[in-house]
Amino acid sequence: MDTSSGEDVLAETTAALTETFGDRLAAVYALGSLAHGGFSPLVSDVDVAAILTDPLAATDAAAVHRVGATIRARGSALHERVSLFWGSPASLRDGSAEGRFPPLDRLCLFEHGRLLAGTDVRDGLPRPTRAELIVAGAQFALDVLADQVVGHAGDPAALLDSGVRRTTKVVLFPVRFLLTADTGGEGTNDAAVGHYLDGHSGAAADLVAAAFQWRHAAPGDQTAAGLLRAGFVALYDDYLGDHIARLTELGEPVLAEQFRGWRARLQAAAPG
């Protein structure tokens, strides 16, 4: 049985990046819950950021992909959850498409990134704006969450069939997006859940509170099923209504209309 910890996987990934890029590797950071706290071996990803020296080379994307594939092939659940973000000071400065560093992950780098190797390169680089974060989060939600949320609206308890990791992510993503939209700060799970519970009560809040606990201890199926059936649609209806207003105010009519369509599909699919 593999007993690798999150820190072990970070160290292995850092070593593989160093071997691959040598002197071109300016810095390696831990991101996500291994940086800001709240790591759960049951559900958390192992997020790593590699900052390369400028200029980036045409072969860098393939090289980063090989490092990720090598680490994920080592077999443990944590190895399989390694996610690599990468870029250079110039790509972070101008927000170019080079590398892989979406705005929400750049925010994590600036707020919580934990330096593992090299020299800290963040000083003087721009943080993503709140508007950029709201738009990026909305696009992610449409691309990754919309169809599965609508698909589970008729029986949200069926989400449990995909496992506790997927269930907690789908439940907690909207509260994380809401915190970032309200504050411009990173929507860590603990901060986002606290923020949501401060302003909400009822079935959706009960589900959010429970899902936060499920990250560390898998739930009993009957209890979890009841919470999902009672609160899942209400949670997403709240999130969608909030973001329709925000996106409209930001002058993003296409995204706002896509969110209206998502909300209509959700309500049509919900029981009763």
Protein backbone atom coordinates (compact mmCIF):
# COMPACT_ATOMS: atom_id res chain seq x y z
CA MET A 1 0.00 0.00 0.00
CA ASP A 2 1.40 3.41 -0.97
CA THR A 3 1.59 5.75 2.03
CA SER A 4 2.88 8.83 0.20
CA SER A 5 1.83 12.09 1.81
CA GLY A 6 0.99 15.33 0.06
CA GLU A 7 4.41 16.67 1.04
CA ASP A 8 6.09 13.59 -0.45
CA VAL A 9 4.31 14.14 -3.76
CA LEU A 10 5.25 17.83 -3.74
CA ALA A 11 8.91 16.88 -3.22
CA GLU A 12 8.82 14.31 -6.03
CA THR A 13 7.20 16.79 -8.40
CA THR A 14 9.73 19.49 -7.52
CA ALA A 15 12.59 17.05 -8.17
CA ALA A 16 11.12 16.04 -11.53
CA LEU A 17 10.69 19.67 -12.58
CA THR A 18 14.26 20.46 -11.53
CA GLU A 19 15.60 17.51 -13.49
CA THR A 20 13.60 18.53 -16.57
CA PHE A 21 14.25 22.28 -16.64
CA GLY A 22 17.50 22.74 -14.72
CA ASP A 23 18.58 26.38 -14.53
CA ARG A 24 15.44 27.48 -16.40
CA LEU A 25 13.32 26.62 -13.37
CA ALA A 26 13.06 29.93 -11.53
CA ALA A 27 10.67 28.82 -8.78
CA VAL A 28 8.33 26.03 -7.68
CA TYR A 29 5.34 26.69 -5.44
CA ALA A 30 2.75 24.59 -3.68
CA LEU A 31 -0.75 25.89 -4.37
CA GLY A 32 -4.18 24.92 -3.08
CA SER A 33 -4.75 23.34 0.31
CA LEU A 34 -1.10 22.25 0.62
CA ALA A 35 -0.31 25.98 0.65
CA HIS A 36 -3.19 27.62 2.53
CA GLY A 37 -4.22 24.71 4.76
CA GLY A 38 -7.17 22.34 4.93
CA PHE A 39 -5.52 19.53 2.96
CA SER A 40 -7.49 16.29 2.93
CA PRO A 41 -5.87 13.09 1.60
CA LEU A 42 -9.40 11.87 0.88
CA VAL A 43 -10.35 14.56 -1.65
CA SER A 44 -7.67 17.24 -2.17
CA ASP A 45 -5.62 17.78 -5.30
CA VAL A 46 -1.85 18.29 -5.20
CA ASP A 47 -1.42 21.62 -6.99
CA VAL A 48 2.07 22.68 -8.07
CA ALA A 49 3.20 25.82 -9.91
CA ALA A 50 6.40 25.97 -11.96
CA ILE A 51 7.75 29.38 -12.97
CA LEU A 52 10.26 29.21 -15.83
CA THR A 53 12.69 31.89 -16.93
CA ASP A 54 11.85 34.00 -19.97
CA PRO A 55 11.45 33.46 -22.80
CA LEU A 56 9.25 30.40 -22.79
CA ALA A 57 10.16 27.79 -25.39
CA ALA A 58 7.86 26.03 -27.83
CA THR A 59 8.78 22.71 -26.18
CA ASP A 60 7.89 23.77 -22.63
CA ALA A 61 4.24 22.69 -22.72
CA ALA A 62 5.16 19.15 -23.77
CA ALA A 63 7.90 19.00 -21.14
CA VAL A 64 5.51 20.06 -18.36
CA HIS A 65 2.97 17.53 -19.62
CA ARG A 66 5.60 14.76 -19.42
CA VAL A 67 6.47 15.69 -15.84
CA GLY A 68 2.82 15.56 -14.85
CA ALA A 69 2.26 12.24 -16.60
CA THR A 70 5.35 10.74 -14.96
CA ILE A 71 4.24 11.75 -11.46
CA ARG A 72 0.63 10.68 -11.96
CA ALA A 73 1.81 7.27 -13.19
CA ARG A 74 3.43 6.50 -9.83
CA GLY A 75 0.15 5.04 -8.73
CA SER A 76 -1.12 6.43 -5.44
CA ALA A 77 -4.35 8.40 -5.25
CA LEU A 78 -2.38 11.54 -4.40
CA HIS A 79 0.06 11.06 -7.28
CA GLU A 80 -2.92 10.75 -9.63
CA ARG A 81 -4.26 14.10 -8.39
CA VAL A 82 -1.17 16.17 -9.26
CA SER A 83 -2.10 19.28 -11.22
CA LEU A 84 0.64 21.45 -12.74
CA PHE A 85 0.36 25.16 -13.42
CA TRP A 86 3.18 26.91 -15.20
CA GLY A 87 4.32 30.10 -16.84
CA SER A 88 7.04 32.74 -16.65
CA PRO A 89 7.32 36.20 -15.10
CA ALA A 90 6.42 37.72 -18.48
CA SER A 91 3.37 35.51 -19.03
CA LEU A 92 2.15 36.28 -15.51
CA ARG A 93 2.76 39.97 -16.05
CA ASP A 94 0.86 40.32 -19.32
CA GLY A 95 -1.73 37.58 -18.81
CA SER A 96 -0.78 35.92 -22.08
CA ALA A 97 -2.07 32.54 -23.19
CA GLU A 98 1.42 31.06 -22.83
CA GLY A 99 1.69 28.49 -20.08
CA ARG A 100 -1.20 27.32 -17.92
CA PHE A 101 -2.19 29.77 -15.20
CA PRO A 102 -5.92 30.66 -15.07
CA PRO A 103 -6.84 33.74 -13.01
CA LEU A 104 -8.16 31.83 -9.99
CA ASP A 105 -4.92 29.86 -9.74
CA ARG A 106 -2.85 33.02 -10.20
CA LEU A 107 -4.76 34.47 -7.26
CA CYS A 108 -3.78 31.44 -5.18
CA LEU A 109 -0.15 31.94 -6.20
CA PHE A 110 -0.17 35.54 -4.98
CA GLU A 111 -2.20 35.00 -1.81
CA HIS A 112 -1.00 31.62 -0.60
CA GLY A 113 1.71 30.17 -2.85
CA ARG A 114 4.33 28.36 -0.73
CA LEU A 115 7.83 28.50 -2.22
CA LEU A 116 9.34 25.02 -2.53
CA ALA A 117 12.41 25.74 -4.66
CA GLY A 118 14.13 28.65 -6.37
CA THR A 119 13.60 32.36 -5.76
CA ASP A 120 10.27 34.07 -5.13
CA VAL A 121 9.27 35.86 -8.35
CA ARG A 122 5.95 37.39 -7.30
CA ASP A 123 7.10 40.85 -6.26
CA GLY A 124 5.89 43.44 -8.77
CA LEU A 125 3.66 41.05 -10.73
CA PRO A 126 -0.02 42.04 -11.05
CA ARG A 127 -2.78 40.20 -9.24
CA PRO A 128 -5.91 39.34 -11.24
CA THR A 129 -8.74 41.84 -10.81
CA ARG A 130 -12.03 40.94 -9.16
CA ALA A 131 -13.83 41.29 -12.50
CA GLU A 132 -11.33 38.94 -14.15
CA LEU A 133 -11.85 36.42 -11.34
CA ILE A 134 -15.65 36.56 -11.58
CA VAL A 135 -15.59 36.05 -15.34
CA ALA A 136 -13.05 33.22 -15.13
CA GLY A 137 -15.03 31.48 -12.40
CA ALA A 138 -18.24 31.82 -14.37
CA GLN A 139 -16.67 30.38 -17.51
CA PHE A 140 -15.22 27.47 -15.52
CA ALA A 141 -18.62 26.80 -13.98
CA LEU A 142 -20.29 26.74 -17.39
CA ASP A 143 -17.63 24.49 -18.90
CA VAL A 144 -17.21 22.05 -16.01
CA LEU A 145 -20.28 22.16 -13.78
CA ALA A 146 -23.39 23.19 -15.73
CA ASP A 147 -24.28 19.93 -17.45
CA GLN A 148 -23.58 17.72 -14.45
CA VAL A 149 -25.50 20.03 -12.09
CA VAL A 150 -28.54 19.99 -14.39
CA GLY A 151 -28.11 16.25 -14.86
CA HIS A 152 -28.31 15.67 -11.10
CA ALA A 153 -31.11 18.15 -10.42
CA GLY A 154 -33.80 15.47 -10.69
CA ASP A 155 -32.11 13.30 -8.05
CA PRO A 156 -29.14 15.07 -6.46
CA ALA A 157 -28.42 12.05 -4.26
CA ALA A 158 -27.18 10.25 -7.37
CA LEU A 159 -24.14 12.53 -7.22
CA LEU A 160 -22.85 10.24 -4.46
CA ASP A 161 -22.34 7.52 -7.08
CA SER A 162 -19.39 9.53 -8.40
CA GLY A 163 -17.66 9.44 -5.00
CA VAL A 164 -17.12 11.79 -2.10
CA ARG A 165 -14.38 13.74 -3.87
CA ARG A 166 -16.57 14.72 -6.82
CA THR A 167 -19.57 15.33 -4.56
CA THR A 168 -17.73 17.75 -2.30
CA LYS A 169 -16.24 19.62 -5.24
CA VAL A 170 -19.60 20.10 -6.95
CA VAL A 171 -21.24 21.28 -3.72
CA LEU A 172 -18.42 23.59 -2.61
CA PHE A 173 -17.45 25.20 -5.93
CA PRO A 174 -20.36 27.69 -5.91
CA VAL A 175 -19.66 28.89 -2.37
CA ARG A 176 -16.01 29.37 -3.28
CA PHE A 177 -16.98 31.43 -6.33
CA LEU A 178 -19.34 33.51 -4.19
CA LEU A 179 -16.60 34.38 -1.69
CA THR A 180 -14.22 35.44 -4.46
CA ALA A 181 -16.95 37.51 -6.10
CA ASP A 182 -17.78 39.23 -2.80
CA THR A 183 -14.22 39.89 -1.61
CA GLY A 184 -11.77 39.47 -4.49
CA GLY A 185 -9.92 36.96 -2.30
CA GLU A 186 -9.26 33.29 -2.87
CA GLY A 187 -12.22 31.04 -2.14
CA THR A 188 -10.52 28.52 0.10
CA ASN A 189 -12.96 25.91 1.34
CA ASP A 190 -12.90 26.91 5.00
CA ALA A 191 -13.23 30.65 4.34
CA ALA A 192 -15.90 30.14 1.67
CA VAL A 193 -18.02 27.85 3.83
CA GLY A 194 -17.80 30.25 6.77
CA HIS A 195 -18.73 33.17 4.53
CA TYR A 196 -21.73 31.32 3.08
CA LEU A 197 -23.02 30.16 6.45
CA ASP A 198 -22.75 33.69 7.84
CA GLY A 199 -25.26 34.88 5.24
CA HIS A 200 -27.46 31.85 4.60
CA SER A 201 -29.59 29.35 6.46
CA GLY A 202 -31.86 26.50 5.49
CA ALA A 203 -31.33 23.40 3.38
CA ALA A 204 -28.61 24.83 1.13
CA ALA A 205 -26.58 26.00 4.13
CA ASP A 206 -27.02 22.62 5.82
CA LEU A 207 -25.69 20.89 2.71
CA VAL A 208 -22.68 23.22 2.48
CA ALA A 209 -21.79 22.68 6.14
CA ALA A 210 -22.06 18.92 5.76
CA ALA A 211 -20.05 18.78 2.53
CA PHE A 212 -17.21 20.63 4.24
CA GLN A 213 -17.10 17.85 6.85
CA TRP A 214 -17.29 15.15 4.16
CA ARG A 215 -13.89 16.31 2.88
CA HIS A 216 -12.34 14.63 5.92
CA ALA A 217 -14.80 11.85 6.74
CA ALA A 218 -16.94 10.16 4.11
CA PRO A 219 -20.65 10.53 4.92
CA GLY A 220 -23.27 7.93 5.58
CA ASP A 221 -25.18 7.52 2.35
CA GLN A 222 -28.68 8.02 3.78
CA THR A 223 -27.79 11.24 5.60
CA ALA A 224 -25.90 12.62 2.61
CA ALA A 225 -28.68 11.68 0.21
CA GLY A 226 -31.25 13.56 2.27
CA LEU A 227 -29.08 16.68 2.49
CA LEU A 228 -28.42 16.65 -1.25
CA ARG A 229 -32.08 16.22 -2.15
CA ALA A 230 -33.08 19.05 0.16
CA GLY A 231 -30.37 21.58 -0.60
CA PHE A 232 -28.60 20.99 -3.91
CA VAL A 233 -30.96 22.78 -6.30
CA ALA A 234 -31.47 25.65 -3.86
CA LEU A 235 -27.69 26.10 -3.53
CA TYR A 236 -27.16 26.36 -7.27
CA ASP A 237 -30.24 28.51 -7.80
CA ASP A 238 -28.80 30.96 -5.26
CA TYR A 239 -25.38 30.96 -6.94
CA LEU A 240 -26.81 31.39 -10.43
CA GLY A 241 -29.10 34.24 -9.42
CA ASP A 242 -26.20 36.03 -7.74
CA HIS A 243 -23.93 35.70 -10.76
CA ILE A 244 -26.56 36.67 -13.32
CA ALA A 245 -26.72 40.03 -11.56
CA ARG A 246 -22.94 40.33 -11.23
CA LEU A 247 -22.21 39.43 -14.84
CA THR A 248 -24.84 41.86 -16.08
CA GLU A 249 -23.30 44.62 -13.96
CA LEU A 250 -19.83 43.79 -15.30
CA GLY A 251 -21.00 44.22 -18.89
CA GLU A 252 -20.83 40.49 -19.72
CA PRO A 253 -24.21 39.98 -21.44
CA VAL A 254 -23.28 36.71 -23.16
CA LEU A 255 -22.16 35.05 -19.93
CA ALA A 256 -25.17 36.46 -18.08
CA GLU A 257 -27.52 34.99 -20.69
CA GLN A 258 -25.75 31.63 -20.50
CA PHE A 259 -26.27 31.66 -16.74
CA ARG A 260 -29.97 32.46 -17.26
CA GLY A 261 -30.20 29.47 -19.57
CA TRP A 262 -28.43 27.27 -17.03
CA ARG A 263 -30.81 28.42 -14.29
CA ALA A 264 -33.86 27.72 -16.47
CA ARG A 265 -32.56 24.22 -17.24
CA LEU A 266 -31.90 23.61 -13.53
CA GLN A 267 -35.38 24.68 -12.50
CA ALA A 268 -37.00 22.63 -15.26
CA ALA A 269 -35.08 19.51 -14.23
CA ALA A 270 -35.77 19.85 -10.51
CA PRO A 271 -38.50 17.63 -9.04
CA GLY A 272 -41.90 19.17 -8.35
